[in-house]
């Protein structure tokens, strides 16, 4: 009976030439380039800023500094009294 069981085990396990060798495993490399799981996904329609990398916050340039001509044409800032008066005017408006 044991010879029959060994025959069945041999047929189920595959070929018989690997009986004396140990099975070996190896580690396969992961396709990710970073730890961000979003990097593995392709851009999705309707994904907002994530769908277009050029619009991302980390691709922003330096702050905008207006030219001298624009700076000279700006009006003077309002004083505190003018701002308080304007605030009161806007808050007292009936809607």
C-alpha atoms as a PDB file:
ATOM      1  CA  UNK A   1       0.000   0.000   0.000  1.00  0.00           C
ATOM      2  CA  UNK A   2       2.819   2.424   0.815  1.00  0.00           C
ATOM      3  CA  UNK A   3       4.308   1.981  -2.674  1.00  0.00           C
ATOM      4  CA  UNK A   4       0.970   3.025  -4.178  1.00  0.00           C
ATOM      5  CA  UNK A   5       0.878   6.123  -1.947  1.00  0.00           C
ATOM      6  CA  UNK A   6       4.450   7.022  -2.943  1.00  0.00           C
ATOM      7  CA  UNK A   7       3.525   6.636  -6.631  1.00  0.00           C
ATOM      8  CA  UNK A   8       0.545   8.952  -6.244  1.00  0.00           C
ATOM      9  CA  UNK A   9       2.628  11.510  -4.322  1.00  0.00           C
ATOM     10  CA  UNK A  10       5.285  11.408  -7.019  1.00  0.00           C
ATOM     11  CA  UNK A  11       2.754  12.016  -9.772  1.00  0.00           C
ATOM     12  CA  UNK A  12       1.073  14.846  -7.845  1.00  0.00           C
ATOM     13  CA  UNK A  13       4.312  16.643  -6.991  1.00  0.00           C
ATOM     14  CA  UNK A  14       5.591  16.689 -10.579  1.00  0.00           C
ATOM     15  CA  UNK A  15       8.833  15.249 -11.911  1.00  0.00           C
ATOM     16  CA  UNK A  16      10.975  12.872  -9.883  1.00  0.00           C
ATOM     17  CA  UNK A  17      14.390  14.362 -10.783  1.00  0.00           C
ATOM     18  CA  UNK A  18      14.179  17.032  -8.010  1.00  0.00           C
ATOM     19  CA  UNK A  19      13.895  14.572  -5.133  1.00  0.00           C
ATOM     20  CA  UNK A  20      17.474  15.013  -3.914  1.00  0.00           C
ATOM     21  CA  UNK A  21      17.594  18.823  -4.300  1.00  0.00           C
ATOM     22  CA  UNK A  22      16.131  21.488  -2.066  1.00  0.00           C
ATOM     23  CA  UNK A  23      13.639  23.950  -3.433  1.00  0.00           C
ATOM     24  CA  UNK A  24      15.116  27.470  -3.735  1.00  0.00           C
ATOM     25  CA  UNK A  25      13.371  30.846  -3.688  1.00  0.00           C
ATOM     26  CA  UNK A  26      14.586  34.292  -4.618  1.00  0.00           C
ATOM     27  CA  UNK A  27      13.374  37.804  -3.831  1.00  0.00           C
ATOM     28  CA  UNK A  28      11.981  39.699  -6.807  1.00  0.00           C
ATOM     29  CA  UNK A  29      12.482  43.483  -7.121  1.00  0.00           C
ATOM     30  CA  UNK A  30       9.463  45.719  -6.606  1.00  0.00           C
ATOM     31  CA  UNK A  31       8.531  48.002  -9.526  1.00  0.00           C
ATOM     32  CA  UNK A  32       8.090  51.094  -7.310  1.00  0.00           C
ATOM     33  CA  UNK A  33      10.592  53.933  -7.546  1.00  0.00           C
ATOM     34  CA  UNK A  34       9.394  55.598  -4.314  1.00  0.00           C
ATOM     35  CA  UNK A  35       7.303  54.811  -1.237  1.00  0.00           C
ATOM     36  CA  UNK A  36       4.322  56.772  -2.584  1.00  0.00           C
ATOM     37  CA  UNK A  37       1.643  54.284  -3.716  1.00  0.00           C
ATOM     38  CA  UNK A  38       0.200  56.951  -6.028  1.00  0.00           C
ATOM     39  CA  UNK A  39       3.304  56.657  -8.206  1.00  0.00           C
ATOM     40  CA  UNK A  40       2.223  53.190  -9.334  1.00  0.00           C
ATOM     41  CA  UNK A  41      -1.172  54.376 -10.625  1.00  0.00           C
ATOM     42  CA  UNK A  42      -1.534  55.989 -14.052  1.00  0.00           C
ATOM     43  CA  UNK A  43      -3.197  59.428 -14.291  1.00  0.00           C
ATOM     44  CA  UNK A  44      -6.975  59.164 -13.973  1.00  0.00           C
ATOM     45  CA  UNK A  45      -9.500  61.431 -15.683  1.00  0.00           C
ATOM     46  CA  UNK A  46     -11.188  63.687 -13.178  1.00  0.00           C
ATOM     47  CA  UNK A  47      -8.390  63.164 -10.668  1.00  0.00           C
ATOM     48  CA  UNK A  48      -7.897  66.888 -10.055  1.00  0.00           C
ATOM     49  CA  UNK A  49      -4.347  68.084  -9.527  1.00  0.00           C
ATOM     50  CA  UNK A  50      -3.107  64.511  -9.175  1.00  0.00           C
ATOM     51  CA  UNK A  51      -4.008  63.748 -12.797  1.00  0.00           C
ATOM     52  CA  UNK A  52      -1.740  66.464 -14.222  1.00  0.00           C
ATOM     53  CA  UNK A  53       1.726  66.553 -12.607  1.00  0.00           C
ATOM     54  CA  UNK A  54       2.558  69.932 -14.171  1.00  0.00           C
ATOM     55  CA  UNK A  55      -0.103  71.531 -11.954  1.00  0.00           C
ATOM     56  CA  UNK A  56       1.249  69.989  -8.746  1.00  0.00           C
ATOM     57  CA  UNK A  57       2.222  72.173  -5.817  1.00  0.00           C
ATOM     58  CA  UNK A  58       5.778  70.868  -5.711  1.00  0.00           C
ATOM     59  CA  UNK A  59       6.423  72.039  -9.268  1.00  0.00           C
ATOM     60  CA  UNK A  60       5.705  75.672  -8.412  1.00  0.00           C
ATOM     61  CA  UNK A  61       8.232  78.352  -9.236  1.00  0.00           C
ATOM     62  CA  UNK A  62       9.451  81.259  -7.115  1.00  0.00           C
ATOM     63  CA  UNK A  63       6.954  83.844  -5.822  1.00  0.00           C
ATOM     64  CA  UNK A  64       5.773  86.488  -8.274  1.00  0.00           C
ATOM     65  CA  UNK A  65       7.551  89.828  -7.878  1.00  0.00           C
ATOM     66  CA  UNK A  66       5.847  92.598  -9.867  1.00  0.00           C
ATOM     67  CA  UNK A  67       7.934  94.875 -12.020  1.00  0.00           C
ATOM     68  CA  UNK A  68       8.884  98.388 -10.916  1.00  0.00           C
ATOM     69  CA  UNK A  69       6.297  99.910 -13.273  1.00  0.00           C
ATOM     70  CA  UNK A  70       3.454  97.917 -11.710  1.00  0.00           C
ATOM     71  CA  UNK A  71       4.678  98.697  -8.194  1.00  0.00           C
ATOM     72  CA  UNK A  72       4.736 102.431  -8.960  1.00  0.00           C
ATOM     73  CA  UNK A  73       1.147 102.348 -10.316  1.00  0.00           C
ATOM     74  CA  UNK A  74      -0.341 100.664  -7.231  1.00  0.00           C
ATOM     75  CA  UNK A  75      -2.550 102.883  -5.053  1.00  0.00           C
ATOM     76  CA  UNK A  76      -1.468 103.725  -1.512  1.00  0.00           C
ATOM     77  CA  UNK A  77      -2.785 101.312   1.116  1.00  0.00           C
ATOM     78  CA  UNK A  78      -5.840 102.524   3.053  1.00  0.00           C
ATOM     79  CA  UNK A  79      -5.414 103.700   6.626  1.00  0.00           C
ATOM     80  CA  UNK A  80      -7.023 101.936   9.581  1.00  0.00           C
ATOM     81  CA  UNK A  81      -9.731 104.597   9.819  1.00  0.00           C
ATOM     82  CA  UNK A  82     -10.601 104.206   6.140  1.00  0.00           C
ATOM     83  CA  UNK A  83     -10.715 100.423   6.497  1.00  0.00           C
ATOM     84  CA  UNK A  84     -12.966 100.618   9.588  1.00  0.00           C
ATOM     85  CA  UNK A  85     -15.311 103.002   7.790  1.00  0.00           C
ATOM     86  CA  UNK A  86     -15.475 100.738   4.736  1.00  0.00           C
ATOM     87  CA  UNK A  87     -16.069  97.691   6.965  1.00  0.00           C
ATOM     88  CA  UNK A  88     -18.916  99.443   8.775  1.00  0.00           C
ATOM     89  CA  UNK A  89     -20.400 100.543   5.446  1.00  0.00           C
ATOM     90  CA  UNK A  90     -20.358  96.989   4.097  1.00  0.00           C
ATOM     91  CA  UNK A  91     -21.712  95.445   7.319  1.00  0.00           C
ATOM     92  CA  UNK A  92     -24.606  97.947   7.618  1.00  0.00           C
ATOM     93  CA  UNK A  93     -25.835  97.302   4.107  1.00  0.00           C
ATOM     94  CA  UNK A  94     -29.278  95.727   4.100  1.00  0.00           C
ATOM     95  CA  UNK A  95     -29.558  92.649   1.929  1.00  0.00           C
END
